Amino acid sequence: MVVRQFGGKFPVTSLDELEALFRASSVELGRRFGARRVGDKYLLPIQAVPWFTLVDLGREYPVNDLVVRGVAIEGPIDKPWFDLVLGFLVGDYVIGVSLVGRRAVGCRSRPLNPPLDLWDLPRGLDFPRPVAITREVNGGVIDVSAPMDCLVGFGLSTAQTTRYLLVYGALVSVGGRVFINLGGSSLLVS
């Protein structure tokens, strides 16, 4: 599925999982993707959504002390349309950084909707849309940490824990061209 262990290199979006989701029957939605029927729709859990990649950190960590250093982003990241979120999943929020191909402007809050270039979504499915609270950054090698001043500015508690690093690309078309490399990264807790 879309949950990965810490380390290694992987594409931003799993195009194989996206294709499988579009082709899935109602039985496969439940068995393969863990979808639950809610009314007349199927609700996908966040770990089954192909435009989210969850990286398991191994255990729970307090977000105010956690830093993932040296995350390498490989691919065309200098384009003005480029937008990639790397953050810690905390309930219905993703807190971390947003790598942009234009000038970085500071704190940002937004829902992580399906990618902009995914014209038709599979019918009868409902997707989780966590809210990202991020600090915009530039560069090919970045550090991921919770932007404490942004959290306070948006009225969120800084005393939260996480087990997952979430990766989200705003465009599905970069899925096979942009890669996250955690091979040289380190997980630091202060």
C-alpha atoms as a PDB file:
ATOM      1  CA  MET A   1       0.000   0.000   0.000  1.00  0.00           C
ATOM      2  CA  VAL A   2       1.065   3.575   0.480  1.00  0.00           C
ATOM      3  CA  VAL A   3       2.615   3.187   3.963  1.00  0.00           C
ATOM      4  CA  ARG A   4       6.406   2.953   3.805  1.00  0.00           C
ATOM      5  CA  GLN A   5       9.158   2.380   6.329  1.00  0.00           C
ATOM      6  CA  PHE A   6      11.552   5.238   7.099  1.00  0.00           C
ATOM      7  CA  GLY A   7      14.437   5.316   4.609  1.00  0.00           C
ATOM      8  CA  GLY A   8      14.851   4.608   0.914  1.00  0.00           C
ATOM      9  CA  LYS A   9      13.634   6.378  -2.204  1.00  0.00           C
ATOM     10  CA  PHE A  10      10.056   6.488  -3.512  1.00  0.00           C
ATOM     11  CA  PRO A  11       7.899   8.503  -5.936  1.00  0.00           C
ATOM     12  CA  VAL A  12       5.736  11.331  -4.598  1.00  0.00           C
ATOM     13  CA  THR A  13       2.553   9.683  -5.918  1.00  0.00           C
ATOM     14  CA  SER A  14       1.930   5.970  -6.398  1.00  0.00           C
ATOM     15  CA  LEU A  15       0.637   5.861  -9.980  1.00  0.00           C
ATOM     16  CA  ASP A  16       0.086   2.076  -9.752  1.00  0.00           C
ATOM     17  CA  GLU A  17      -2.132   2.509  -6.681  1.00  0.00           C
ATOM     18  CA  LEU A  18      -3.994   5.357  -8.392  1.00  0.00           C
ATOM     19  CA  GLU A  19      -4.716   3.183 -11.420  1.00  0.00           C
ATOM     20  CA  ALA A  20      -5.815   0.292  -9.177  1.00  0.00           C
ATOM     21  CA  LEU A  21      -8.173   2.624  -7.290  1.00  0.00           C
ATOM     22  CA  PHE A  22      -9.843   3.765 -10.512  1.00  0.00           C
ATOM     23  CA  ARG A  23     -10.328   0.142 -11.625  1.00  0.00           C
ATOM     24  CA  ALA A  24     -11.443  -1.254  -8.248  1.00  0.00           C
ATOM     25  CA  SER A  25     -14.810  -2.915  -7.811  1.00  0.00           C
ATOM     26  CA  SER A  26     -16.803  -2.330  -4.620  1.00  0.00           C
ATOM     27  CA  VAL A  27     -15.450  -5.614  -3.199  1.00  0.00           C
ATOM     28  CA  GLU A  28     -11.842  -4.582  -3.970  1.00  0.00           C
ATOM     29  CA  LEU A  29     -12.419  -1.181  -2.367  1.00  0.00           C
ATOM     30  CA  GLY A  30     -13.107  -2.943   0.912  1.00  0.00           C
ATOM     31  CA  ARG A  31     -10.526  -5.716   0.679  1.00  0.00           C
ATOM     32  CA  ARG A  32      -7.551  -3.981  -0.929  1.00  0.00           C
ATOM     33  CA  PHE A  33      -8.063  -0.374   0.104  1.00  0.00           C
ATOM     34  CA  GLY A  34      -9.865  -0.793   3.443  1.00  0.00           C
ATOM     35  CA  ALA A  35     -12.765   1.450   2.369  1.00  0.00           C
ATOM     36  CA  ARG A  36     -15.886   1.561   4.560  1.00  0.00           C
ATOM     37  CA  ARG A  37     -19.358   2.000   3.154  1.00  0.00           C
ATOM     38  CA  VAL A  38     -20.970   5.151   4.585  1.00  0.00           C
ATOM     39  CA  GLY A  39     -24.421   5.767   3.146  1.00  0.00           C
ATOM     40  CA  ASP A  40     -24.139   5.621  -0.629  1.00  0.00           C
ATOM     41  CA  LYS A  41     -20.357   6.219  -0.704  1.00  0.00           C
ATOM     42  CA  TYR A  42     -17.172   4.431   0.260  1.00  0.00           C
ATOM     43  CA  LEU A  43     -14.824   6.266   2.635  1.00  0.00           C
ATOM     44  CA  LEU A  44     -11.122   5.566   2.058  1.00  0.00           C
ATOM     45  CA  PRO A  45      -8.726   5.610   5.021  1.00  0.00           C
ATOM     46  CA  ILE A  46      -5.863   8.085   4.612  1.00  0.00           C
ATOM     47  CA  GLN A  47      -3.261   5.318   4.153  1.00  0.00           C
ATOM     48  CA  ALA A  48      -5.123   4.066   1.049  1.00  0.00           C
ATOM     49  CA  VAL A  49      -5.300   7.415  -0.783  1.00  0.00           C
ATOM     50  CA  PRO A  50      -2.753   7.262  -3.648  1.00  0.00           C
ATOM     51  CA  TRP A  51      -1.806  10.957  -3.560  1.00  0.00           C
ATOM     52  CA  PHE A  52      -0.749  10.633   0.098  1.00  0.00           C
ATOM     53  CA  THR A  53       2.329   8.635   1.044  1.00  0.00           C
ATOM     54  CA  LEU A  54       2.716   7.851   4.723  1.00  0.00           C
ATOM     55  CA  VAL A  55       6.169   7.079   6.098  1.00  0.00           C
ATOM     56  CA  ASP A  56       6.059   5.139   9.356  1.00  0.00           C
ATOM     57  CA  LEU A  57       8.482   6.638  11.888  1.00  0.00           C
ATOM     58  CA  GLY A  58       8.393   3.488  14.038  1.00  0.00           C
ATOM     59  CA  ARG A  59       6.744   4.921  17.149  1.00  0.00           C
ATOM     60  CA  GLU A  60       4.975   8.022  18.466  1.00  0.00           C
ATOM     61  CA  TYR A  61       7.069  11.211  18.808  1.00  0.00           C
ATOM     62  CA  PRO A  62       6.182  14.657  20.182  1.00  0.00           C
ATOM     63  CA  VAL A  63       6.004  16.991  17.172  1.00  0.00           C
ATOM     64  CA  ASN A  64       7.526  19.947  19.017  1.00  0.00           C
ATOM     65  CA  ASP A  65      10.818  18.003  19.420  1.00  0.00           C
ATOM     66  CA  LEU A  66      10.923  16.123  16.104  1.00  0.00           C
ATOM     67  CA  VAL A  67      13.040  16.933  13.021  1.00  0.00           C
ATOM     68  CA  VAL A  68      13.678  14.838   9.921  1.00  0.00           C
ATOM     69  CA  ARG A  69      16.987  16.175   8.587  1.00  0.00           C
ATOM     70  CA  GLY A  70      18.323  15.905   5.068  1.00  0.00           C
ATOM     71  CA  VAL A  71      15.244  14.901   3.064  1.00  0.00           C
ATOM     72  CA  ALA A  72      16.308  14.963  -0.594  1.00  0.00           C
ATOM     73  CA  ILE A  73      13.731  15.847  -3.248  1.00  0.00           C
ATOM     74  CA  GLU A  74      14.774  14.720  -6.729  1.00  0.00           C
ATOM     75  CA  GLY A  75      13.108  15.993  -9.890  1.00  0.00           C
ATOM     76  CA  PRO A  76      11.826  19.247 -11.461  1.00  0.00           C
ATOM     77  CA  ILE A  77      11.240  21.170  -8.229  1.00  0.00           C
ATOM     78  CA  ASP A  78      12.139  24.634  -9.531  1.00  0.00           C
ATOM     79  CA  LYS A  79       8.982  25.062 -11.632  1.00  0.00           C
ATOM     80  CA  PRO A  80       6.618  27.839 -10.461  1.00  0.00           C
ATOM     81  CA  TRP A  81       3.678  25.389 -10.269  1.00  0.00           C
ATOM     82  CA  PHE A  82       5.552  22.930  -8.035  1.00  0.00           C
ATOM     83  CA  ASP A  83       4.033  22.327  -4.589  1.00  0.00           C
ATOM     84  CA  LEU A  84       4.906  19.444  -2.285  1.00  0.00           C
ATOM     85  CA  VAL A  85       3.880  19.010   1.359  1.00  0.00           C
ATOM     86  CA  LEU A  86       6.004  17.033   3.813  1.00  0.00           C
ATOM     87  CA  GLY A  87       4.628  17.038   7.312  1.00  0.00           C
ATOM     88  CA  PHE A  88       3.669  15.078  10.365  1.00  0.00           C
ATOM     89  CA  LEU A  89       0.165  13.609  10.464  1.00  0.00           C
ATOM     90  CA  VAL A  90      -1.568  14.756  13.659  1.00  0.00           C
ATOM     91  CA  GLY A  91      -5.277  13.890  13.703  1.00  0.00           C
ATOM     92  CA  ASP A  92      -6.928  15.839  10.871  1.00  0.00           C
ATOM     93  CA  TYR A  93      -3.838  18.031  10.365  1.00  0.00           C
ATOM     94  CA  VAL A  94      -0.508  17.753   8.574  1.00  0.00           C
ATOM     95  CA  ILE A  95       2.105  20.039  10.102  1.00  0.00           C
ATOM     96  CA  GLY A  96       5.481  20.614   8.486  1.00  0.00           C
ATOM     97  CA  VAL A  97       6.859  22.235   5.347  1.00  0.00           C
ATOM     98  CA  SER A  98       5.597  23.000   1.862  1.00  0.00           C
ATOM     99  CA  LEU A  99       8.284  22.892  -0.818  1.00  0.00           C
ATOM    100  CA  VAL A 100       7.409  25.399  -3.536  1.00  0.00           C
ATOM    101  CA  GLY A 101       9.031  26.217  -6.874  1.00  0.00           C
ATOM    102  CA  ARG A 102       8.408  29.953  -6.465  1.00  0.00           C
ATOM    103  CA  ARG A 103       9.420  32.426  -3.760  1.00  0.00           C
ATOM    104  CA  ALA A 104       8.523  31.091  -0.300  1.00  0.00           C
ATOM    105  CA  VAL A 105       6.167  33.404   1.621  1.00  0.00           C
ATOM    106  CA  GLY A 106       5.872  32.000   5.176  1.00  0.00           C
ATOM    107  CA  CYS A 107       3.034  30.173   6.936  1.00  0.00           C
ATOM    108  CA  ARG A 108       0.194  28.613   5.001  1.00  0.00           C
ATOM    109  CA  SER A 109      -2.992  26.710   5.888  1.00  0.00           C
ATOM    110  CA  ARG A 110      -5.019  24.741   3.334  1.00  0.00           C
ATOM    111  CA  PRO A 111      -6.927  21.494   2.869  1.00  0.00           C
ATOM    112  CA  LEU A 112      -5.075  18.754   0.987  1.00  0.00           C
ATOM    113  CA  ASN A 113      -7.619  18.138  -1.760  1.00  0.00           C
ATOM    114  CA  PRO A 114      -7.213  15.650  -4.606  1.00  0.00           C
ATOM    115  CA  PRO A 115      -4.463  16.773  -7.021  1.00  0.00           C
ATOM    116  CA  LEU A 116      -5.389  19.596  -9.389  1.00  0.00           C
ATOM    117  CA  ASP A 117      -4.696  17.609 -12.567  1.00  0.00           C
ATOM    118  CA  LEU A 118      -6.868  14.658 -11.541  1.00  0.00           C
ATOM    119  CA  TRP A 119      -9.892  15.681 -13.573  1.00  0.00           C
ATOM    120  CA  ASP A 120     -12.301  12.875 -12.752  1.00  0.00           C
ATOM    121  CA  LEU A 121     -12.321  11.196  -9.380  1.00  0.00           C
ATOM    122  CA  PRO A 122     -13.670   7.669  -9.010  1.00  0.00           C
ATOM    123  CA  ARG A 123     -17.419   7.873  -8.430  1.00  0.00           C
ATOM    124  CA  GLY A 124     -18.883   6.870  -5.109  1.00  0.00           C
ATOM    125  CA  LEU A 125     -15.673   7.484  -3.145  1.00  0.00           C
ATOM    126  CA  ASP A 126     -15.011   9.985  -0.396  1.00  0.00           C
ATOM    127  CA  PHE A 127     -11.460  10.942   0.538  1.00  0.00           C
ATOM    128  CA  PRO A 128      -9.933  12.351   3.719  1.00  0.00           C
ATOM    129  CA  ARG A 129      -8.843  15.972   3.310  1.00  0.00           C
ATOM    130  CA  PRO A 130      -6.497  16.823   6.165  1.00  0.00           C
ATOM    131  CA  VAL A 131      -5.606  20.479   6.664  1.00  0.00           C
ATOM    132  CA  ALA A 132      -1.931  21.312   6.136  1.00  0.00           C
ATOM    133  CA  ILE A 133      -0.291  23.930   8.351  1.00  0.00           C
ATOM    134  CA  THR A 134       3.094  24.525   6.753  1.00  0.00           C
ATOM    135  CA  ARG A 135       5.995  26.900   6.351  1.00  0.00           C
ATOM    136  CA  GLU A 136       6.979  27.355   2.713  1.00  0.00           C
ATOM    137  CA  VAL A 137      10.576  26.484   1.820  1.00  0.00           C
ATOM    138  CA  ASN A 138      12.773  26.118  -1.285  1.00  0.00           C
ATOM    139  CA  GLY A 139      15.627  23.761  -2.076  1.00  0.00           C
ATOM    140  CA  GLY A 140      16.454  20.184  -3.006  1.00  0.00           C
ATOM    141  CA  VAL A 141      17.473  19.027   0.481  1.00  0.00           C
ATOM    142  CA  ILE A 142      15.235  20.139   3.323  1.00  0.00           C
ATOM    143  CA  ASP A 143      14.562  19.538   6.995  1.00  0.00           C
ATOM    144  CA  VAL A 144      11.014  18.702   8.061  1.00  0.00           C
ATOM    145  CA  SER A 145       9.794  19.995  11.413  1.00  0.00           C
ATOM    146  CA  ALA A 146       6.624  21.402  12.892  1.00  0.00           C
ATOM    147  CA  PRO A 147       6.404  25.183  12.327  1.00  0.00           C
ATOM    148  CA  MET A 148       5.624  26.153  15.932  1.00  0.00           C
ATOM    149  CA  ASP A 149       4.934  29.830  15.213  1.00  0.00           C
ATOM    150  CA  CYS A 150       2.495  28.815  12.448  1.00  0.00           C
ATOM    151  CA  LEU A 151       0.690  26.416  14.790  1.00  0.00           C
ATOM    152  CA  VAL A 152       0.307  29.108  17.427  1.00  0.00           C
ATOM    153  CA  GLY A 153      -0.804  31.608  14.758  1.00  0.00           C
ATOM    154  CA  PHE A 154      -3.558  29.231  13.629  1.00  0.00           C
ATOM    155  CA  GLY A 155      -4.571  28.393  17.203  1.00  0.00           C
ATOM    156  CA  LEU A 156      -3.362  24.776  17.313  1.00  0.00           C
ATOM    157  CA  SER A 157      -1.713  23.074  20.268  1.00  0.00           C
ATOM    158  CA  THR A 158       2.011  22.426  20.024  1.00  0.00           C
ATOM    159  CA  ALA A 159       1.830  19.494  22.473  1.00  0.00           C
ATOM    160  CA  GLN A 160       0.840  16.744  20.024  1.00  0.00           C
ATOM    161  CA  THR A 161       2.352  13.445  18.916  1.00  0.00           C
ATOM    162  CA  THR A 162       2.767  11.720  15.564  1.00  0.00           C
ATOM    163  CA  ARG A 163       3.868   8.408  14.123  1.00  0.00           C
ATOM    164  CA  TYR A 164       3.736   9.292  10.414  1.00  0.00           C
ATOM    165  CA  LEU A 165       5.428  11.635   7.984  1.00  0.00           C
ATOM    166  CA  LEU A 166       2.965  12.431   5.180  1.00  0.00           C
ATOM    167  CA  VAL A 167       4.026  13.347   1.635  1.00  0.00           C
ATOM    168  CA  TYR A 168       1.510  15.027  -0.699  1.00  0.00           C
ATOM    169  CA  GLY A 169       1.992  16.308  -4.233  1.00  0.00           C
ATOM    170  CA  ALA A 170      -0.485  18.865  -5.575  1.00  0.00           C
ATOM    171  CA  LEU A 171      -0.130  17.404  -9.097  1.00  0.00           C
ATOM    172  CA  VAL A 172      -0.448  13.706  -9.924  1.00  0.00           C
ATOM    173  CA  SER A 173       1.501  14.239 -13.168  1.00  0.00           C
ATOM    174  CA  VAL A 174       4.770  14.671 -11.230  1.00  0.00           C
ATOM    175  CA  GLY A 175       4.255  11.304  -9.509  1.00  0.00           C
ATOM    176  CA  GLY A 176       6.715   9.395 -11.666  1.00  0.00           C
ATOM    177  CA  ARG A 177       9.184  12.274 -12.034  1.00  0.00           C
ATOM    178  CA  VAL A 178       9.632  13.557  -8.477  1.00  0.00           C
ATOM    179  CA  PHE A 179      11.124  11.305  -5.801  1.00  0.00           C
ATOM    180  CA  ILE A 180      11.629  11.579  -2.062  1.00  0.00           C
ATOM    181  CA  ASN A 181      14.942  10.138  -0.877  1.00  0.00           C
ATOM    182  CA  LEU A 182      15.162   9.389   2.840  1.00  0.00           C
ATOM    183  CA  GLY A 183      18.310   7.273   2.424  1.00  0.00           C
ATOM    184  CA  GLY A 184      20.592   9.955   3.878  1.00  0.00           C
ATOM    185  CA  SER A 185      18.007  11.385   6.276  1.00  0.00           C
ATOM    186  CA  SER A 186      18.064  11.206  10.025  1.00  0.00           C
ATOM    187  CA  LEU A 187      15.311  11.365  12.605  1.00  0.00           C
ATOM    188  CA  LEU A 188      16.210  13.688  15.492  1.00  0.00           C
ATOM    189  CA  VAL A 189      14.330  14.138  18.744  1.00  0.00           C
ATOM    190  CA  SER A 190      15.559  16.917  21.024  1.00  0.00           C
END
